[in-house]
Protein backbone atom coordinates (compact mmCIF):
# COMPACT_ATOMS: atom_id res chain seq x y z
CA UNK A 1 -11.03 15.56 16.43
CA UNK A 2 -13.51 18.30 15.55
CA UNK A 3 -14.53 18.73 11.92
CA UNK A 4 -13.78 22.13 10.37
CA UNK A 5 -15.01 21.74 6.78
CA UNK A 6 -16.83 19.00 4.87
CA UNK A 7 -17.04 18.75 1.10
CA UNK A 8 -19.81 16.36 0.05
CA UNK A 9 -20.23 15.06 -3.52
CA UNK A 10 -19.20 18.48 -4.86
CA UNK A 11 -18.53 19.30 -8.48
CA UNK A 12 -17.08 22.67 -9.43
CA UNK A 13 -15.86 24.60 -12.44
CA UNK A 14 -16.27 27.68 -14.57
CA UNK A 15 -19.25 28.38 -16.84
CA UNK A 16 -19.99 25.02 -18.45
CA UNK A 17 -16.54 23.51 -17.88
CA UNK A 18 -16.64 21.14 -14.89
CA UNK A 19 -13.11 20.94 -13.47
CA UNK A 20 -13.76 18.88 -10.31
CA UNK A 21 -16.15 15.94 -10.21
CA UNK A 22 -17.85 14.44 -7.14
CA UNK A 23 -15.28 15.55 -4.57
CA UNK A 24 -15.53 14.34 -0.98
CA UNK A 25 -13.15 15.62 1.68
CA UNK A 26 -13.40 16.18 5.44
CA UNK A 27 -10.89 18.53 7.08
CA UNK A 28 -10.47 18.12 10.82
CA UNK A 29 -8.43 19.78 13.54
CA UNK A 30 -4.77 18.70 13.49
CA UNK A 31 -4.99 17.61 9.83
CA UNK A 32 -1.98 18.45 7.65
CA UNK A 33 -3.00 17.65 4.08
CA UNK A 34 -0.71 17.91 1.07
CA UNK A 35 -2.59 18.51 -2.20
CA UNK A 36 -0.78 17.24 -5.30
CA UNK A 37 -1.71 16.72 -8.93
CA UNK A 38 -0.95 17.85 -12.48
CA UNK A 39 -1.42 21.41 -13.69
CA UNK A 40 -4.98 21.80 -14.86
CA UNK A 41 -6.19 18.99 -12.65
CA UNK A 42 -8.18 21.21 -10.30
CA UNK A 43 -5.96 21.99 -7.31
CA UNK A 44 -6.61 25.74 -7.41
CA UNK A 45 -10.29 25.12 -8.10
CA UNK A 46 -10.40 23.01 -4.93
CA UNK A 47 -8.86 25.88 -2.96
CA UNK A 48 -11.35 28.37 -4.41
CA UNK A 49 -14.19 26.02 -3.53
CA UNK A 50 -13.05 25.72 0.09
CA UNK A 51 -12.55 29.49 0.37
CA UNK A 52 -16.06 30.09 -0.94
CA UNK A 53 -14.79 32.04 -3.96
CA UNK A 54 -16.79 29.73 -6.20
CA UNK A 55 -19.94 27.78 -5.40
CA UNK A 56 -20.32 24.06 -6.14
CA UNK A 57 -22.27 23.22 -9.26
CA UNK A 58 -23.51 20.15 -7.42
CA UNK A 59 -23.06 18.91 -3.87
CA UNK A 60 -22.17 21.11 -0.91
CA UNK A 61 -19.43 22.60 1.25
CA UNK A 62 -20.28 22.67 4.97
CA UNK A 63 -18.44 25.01 7.35
CA UNK A 64 -18.41 24.09 11.03
CA UNK A 65 -18.01 27.54 12.49
CA UNK A 66 -18.27 31.12 11.22
CA UNK A 67 -16.52 31.24 7.82
CA UNK A 68 -15.86 34.95 8.23
CA UNK A 69 -14.35 34.85 11.72
CA UNK A 70 -11.01 33.08 12.17
CA UNK A 71 -12.05 29.94 10.32
CA UNK A 72 -9.63 30.08 7.37
CA UNK A 73 -6.28 31.78 6.78
CA UNK A 74 -5.04 31.84 3.19
CA UNK A 75 -1.60 32.29 1.66
CA UNK A 76 -1.95 32.86 -2.12
CA UNK A 77 0.76 32.47 -4.71
CA UNK A 78 3.09 35.47 -4.76
CA UNK A 79 2.51 35.85 -8.52
CA UNK A 80 -1.11 36.82 -7.80
CA UNK A 81 -0.10 39.84 -5.72
CA UNK A 82 -0.49 43.43 -6.94
CA UNK A 83 2.88 44.99 -6.14
CA UNK A 84 1.67 48.49 -7.01
CA UNK A 85 -0.88 48.59 -4.17
CA UNK A 86 0.25 51.29 -1.67
CA UNK A 87 0.41 49.33 1.59
CA UNK A 88 3.19 48.73 4.08
CA UNK A 89 4.39 45.36 5.35
CA UNK A 90 2.95 46.10 8.79
CA UNK A 91 -0.43 46.97 7.25
CA UNK A 92 -0.41 43.76 5.20
CA UNK A 93 -0.01 41.68 8.35
CA UNK A 94 -2.64 43.68 10.25
CA UNK A 95 -5.11 43.28 7.39
CA UNK A 96 -5.42 39.63 8.38
CA UNK A 97 -7.52 40.82 11.33
CA UNK A 98 -10.07 42.76 9.28
CA UNK A 99 -12.65 39.96 9.04
CA UNK A 100 -12.82 39.80 12.84
CA UNK A 101 -13.00 43.55 13.43
CA UNK A 102 -16.82 43.70 13.76
CA UNK A 103 -16.92 47.01 11.91
CA UNK A 104 -14.28 48.77 14.06
CA UNK A 105 -12.25 51.18 11.96
CA UNK A 106 -8.99 51.21 13.93
CA UNK A 107 -6.67 48.53 15.22
CA UNK A 108 -6.18 48.14 18.95
CA UNK A 109 -2.92 48.17 20.87
CA UNK A 110 -3.22 44.40 21.20
CA UNK A 111 -3.67 44.09 17.44
CA UNK A 112 -0.50 46.06 16.78
CA UNK A 113 1.40 44.10 19.42
CA UNK A 114 0.28 40.86 17.79
CA UNK A 115 1.43 42.17 14.38
CA UNK A 116 4.85 42.96 15.84
CA UNK A 117 5.12 39.41 17.18
CA UNK A 118 4.21 37.99 13.77
CA UNK A 119 6.74 40.22 11.97
CA UNK A 120 9.45 39.00 14.35
CA UNK A 121 8.38 35.40 13.78
CA UNK A 122 8.60 35.89 10.00
CA UNK A 123 12.00 37.59 10.26
CA UNK A 124 10.84 40.81 8.59
CA UNK A 125 10.36 43.17 11.53
CA UNK A 126 13.02 45.47 10.03
CA UNK A 127 10.85 45.82 6.92
CA UNK A 128 7.63 46.82 8.69
CA UNK A 129 7.50 50.30 7.10
CA UNK A 130 8.51 49.18 3.62
CA UNK A 131 5.97 49.21 0.80
CA UNK A 132 4.94 45.72 -0.29
CA UNK A 133 6.20 46.56 -3.80
CA UNK A 134 9.76 46.99 -2.49
CA UNK A 135 10.03 43.41 -1.22
CA UNK A 136 11.64 40.41 -2.84
CA UNK A 137 9.45 37.41 -3.60
CA UNK A 138 10.61 35.59 -0.47
CA UNK A 139 10.05 38.63 1.75
CA UNK A 140 6.59 39.11 0.31
CA UNK A 141 5.77 35.47 0.99
CA UNK A 142 6.73 35.98 4.63
CA UNK A 143 4.51 39.05 4.90
CA UNK A 144 1.49 37.29 3.45
CA UNK A 145 2.04 34.23 5.60
CA UNK A 146 2.01 36.59 8.58
CA UNK A 147 -1.31 38.00 7.38
CA UNK A 148 -2.71 34.48 7.02
CA UNK A 149 -1.92 33.39 10.59
CA UNK A 150 -2.34 36.59 12.63
CA UNK A 151 -6.00 35.80 13.40
CA UNK A 152 -5.05 32.26 14.50
CA UNK A 153 -7.41 30.52 12.04
CA UNK A 154 -8.64 26.97 12.51
CA UNK A 155 -7.50 26.11 8.96
CA UNK A 156 -4.49 27.49 7.08
CA UNK A 157 -4.50 27.06 3.29
CA UNK A 158 -1.25 27.55 1.37
CA UNK A 159 -1.01 27.62 -2.44
CA UNK A 160 2.53 26.69 -3.53
CA UNK A 161 4.12 28.33 -0.46
CA UNK A 162 7.72 27.57 -1.43
CA UNK A 163 7.51 29.53 -4.70
CA UNK A 164 10.00 32.46 -4.75
CA UNK A 165 11.22 31.53 -1.25
CA UNK A 166 14.94 31.53 -0.53
CA UNK A 167 16.52 28.27 0.61
CA UNK A 168 16.93 29.35 4.23
CA UNK A 169 13.33 30.45 4.61
CA UNK A 170 12.07 27.33 2.84
CA UNK A 171 13.48 25.23 5.67
CA UNK A 172 12.25 27.71 8.28
CA UNK A 173 8.84 27.77 6.58
CA UNK A 174 8.29 24.04 6.86
CA UNK A 175 9.48 23.98 10.45
CA UNK A 176 7.14 26.88 11.26
CA UNK A 177 4.24 25.06 9.59
CA UNK A 178 5.01 21.99 11.70
CA UNK A 179 4.67 24.15 14.82
CA UNK A 180 1.53 25.88 13.54
CA UNK A 181 -0.06 22.49 12.90
CA UNK A 182 -0.21 22.03 16.67
CA UNK A 183 -2.69 24.93 16.72
CA UNK A 184 -4.46 24.70 13.36
CA UNK A 185 -5.18 22.36 10.47
CA UNK A 186 -3.15 22.94 7.30
CA UNK A 187 -3.96 22.26 3.65
CA UNK A 188 -0.98 22.86 1.39
CA UNK A 189 -0.95 22.75 -2.42
CA UNK A 190 2.47 21.87 -3.79
CA UNK A 191 4.29 20.32 -6.74
CA UNK A 192 7.22 19.45 -4.48
CA UNK A 193 5.99 16.01 -3.44
CA UNK A 194 9.40 14.86 -2.26
CA UNK A 195 9.66 17.70 0.26
CA UNK A 196 6.10 17.95 1.52
CA UNK A 197 5.81 14.24 2.25
CA UNK A 198 8.37 14.80 5.00
CA UNK A 199 5.96 17.20 6.71
CA UNK A 200 2.33 16.50 5.77
CA UNK A 201 0.29 13.75 7.42
CA UNK A 202 -1.98 12.80 4.52
CA UNK A 203 -2.16 13.41 0.76
CA UNK A 204 -5.00 14.42 -1.56
CA UNK A 205 -4.35 13.58 -5.21
CA UNK A 206 -6.36 15.92 -7.44
CA UNK A 207 -6.85 15.29 -11.15
CA UNK A 208 -10.48 16.12 -11.98
CA UNK A 209 -11.40 13.79 -9.12
CA UNK A 210 -9.98 13.75 -5.60
CA UNK A 211 -8.42 10.64 -4.06
CA UNK A 212 -7.55 10.93 -0.38
CA UNK A 213 -4.52 8.96 0.79
CA UNK A 214 -4.48 8.60 4.57
CA UNK A 215 -0.70 8.60 4.86
CA UNK A 216 2.27 10.72 3.81
CA UNK A 217 3.94 7.65 2.29
CA UNK A 218 2.81 7.15 -1.29
CA UNK A 219 4.12 4.89 -4.05
CA UNK A 220 4.19 5.20 -7.82
CA UNK A 221 1.61 2.43 -8.16
CA UNK A 222 -0.74 4.22 -5.77
CA UNK A 223 -0.38 7.45 -7.77
CA UNK A 224 -1.25 5.53 -10.91
CA UNK A 225 -4.29 3.99 -9.22
CA UNK A 226 -5.40 7.49 -8.17
CA UNK A 227 -5.01 8.74 -11.79
CA UNK A 228 -2.46 11.24 -10.50
CA UNK A 229 0.25 11.44 -13.22
CA UNK A 230 3.20 12.46 -11.08
CA UNK A 231 6.46 10.55 -11.34
CA UNK A 232 8.46 10.01 -8.16
CA UNK A 233 12.21 9.90 -8.74
CA UNK A 234 14.78 9.39 -5.98
CA UNK A 235 18.49 10.18 -6.20
CA UNK A 236 20.11 8.74 -3.13
CA UNK A 237 18.12 9.95 -0.14
CA UNK A 238 16.72 13.07 -1.81
CA UNK A 239 13.34 12.58 -3.55
CA UNK A 240 12.39 14.58 -6.64
CA UNK A 241 9.21 14.86 -8.67
CA UNK A 242 8.35 15.38 -12.32
CA UNK A 243 4.84 16.38 -13.31
CA UNK A 244 3.21 14.92 -16.40
CA UNK A 245 1.99 16.96 -19.36
CA UNK A 246 -1.43 18.55 -19.19
CA UNK A 247 -3.91 19.87 -21.71
CA UNK A 248 -6.59 21.48 -19.50
CA UNK A 249 -7.50 25.15 -19.51
CA UNK A 250 -8.37 25.62 -15.83
CA UNK A 251 -6.70 24.78 -12.57
């Protein structure tokens, strides 16, 4: 499989606070990585490092391909979205093509056709003219997922994608991600370990350091060995998770 991104001996943080220490991770085509760990352990910092929003304090992040052209699609947490911004659902989805526009100021007929296909796929075609501020949390999540995949990136990064998602779309979301994984690598941050282990292929445990588990089957003893304080609890056939307390300022 071709390598998309390599993180080599990278440490990252904010000002003088080092959040991640000596991280090594290689993301390849067809990977489907679930990122778990306690709040404050560095999951969001890892995402920001991969996206290039922060630079490593030590080490390096190597991109195999043009970072600005169809390399990464990103679905942020809905809570980070400015609902007052005057933009329609259709425009949100189309904006996912801006990095590949090469300075062109208008979208092509093919671009708009592709946006229509994505809106249908997300089940929000009837909302295309609505302002983003008029949407429910689940509807907004669908719109921003559409924006993340419209350019057909090599890597899709999702930060807590099941937050504010209704139960029906949560199931549809994971099934859609399974299909998308045939075309692109996926890195998904989630607290819902019990659910994501049914879909991801490997697991990265992040708590100041990163421990890469090359399977989606993980035990409590392995989590303890990785210094990843997450408790796995199973009721019947349905797994649940409880996250340990945290005292860090940054994630």
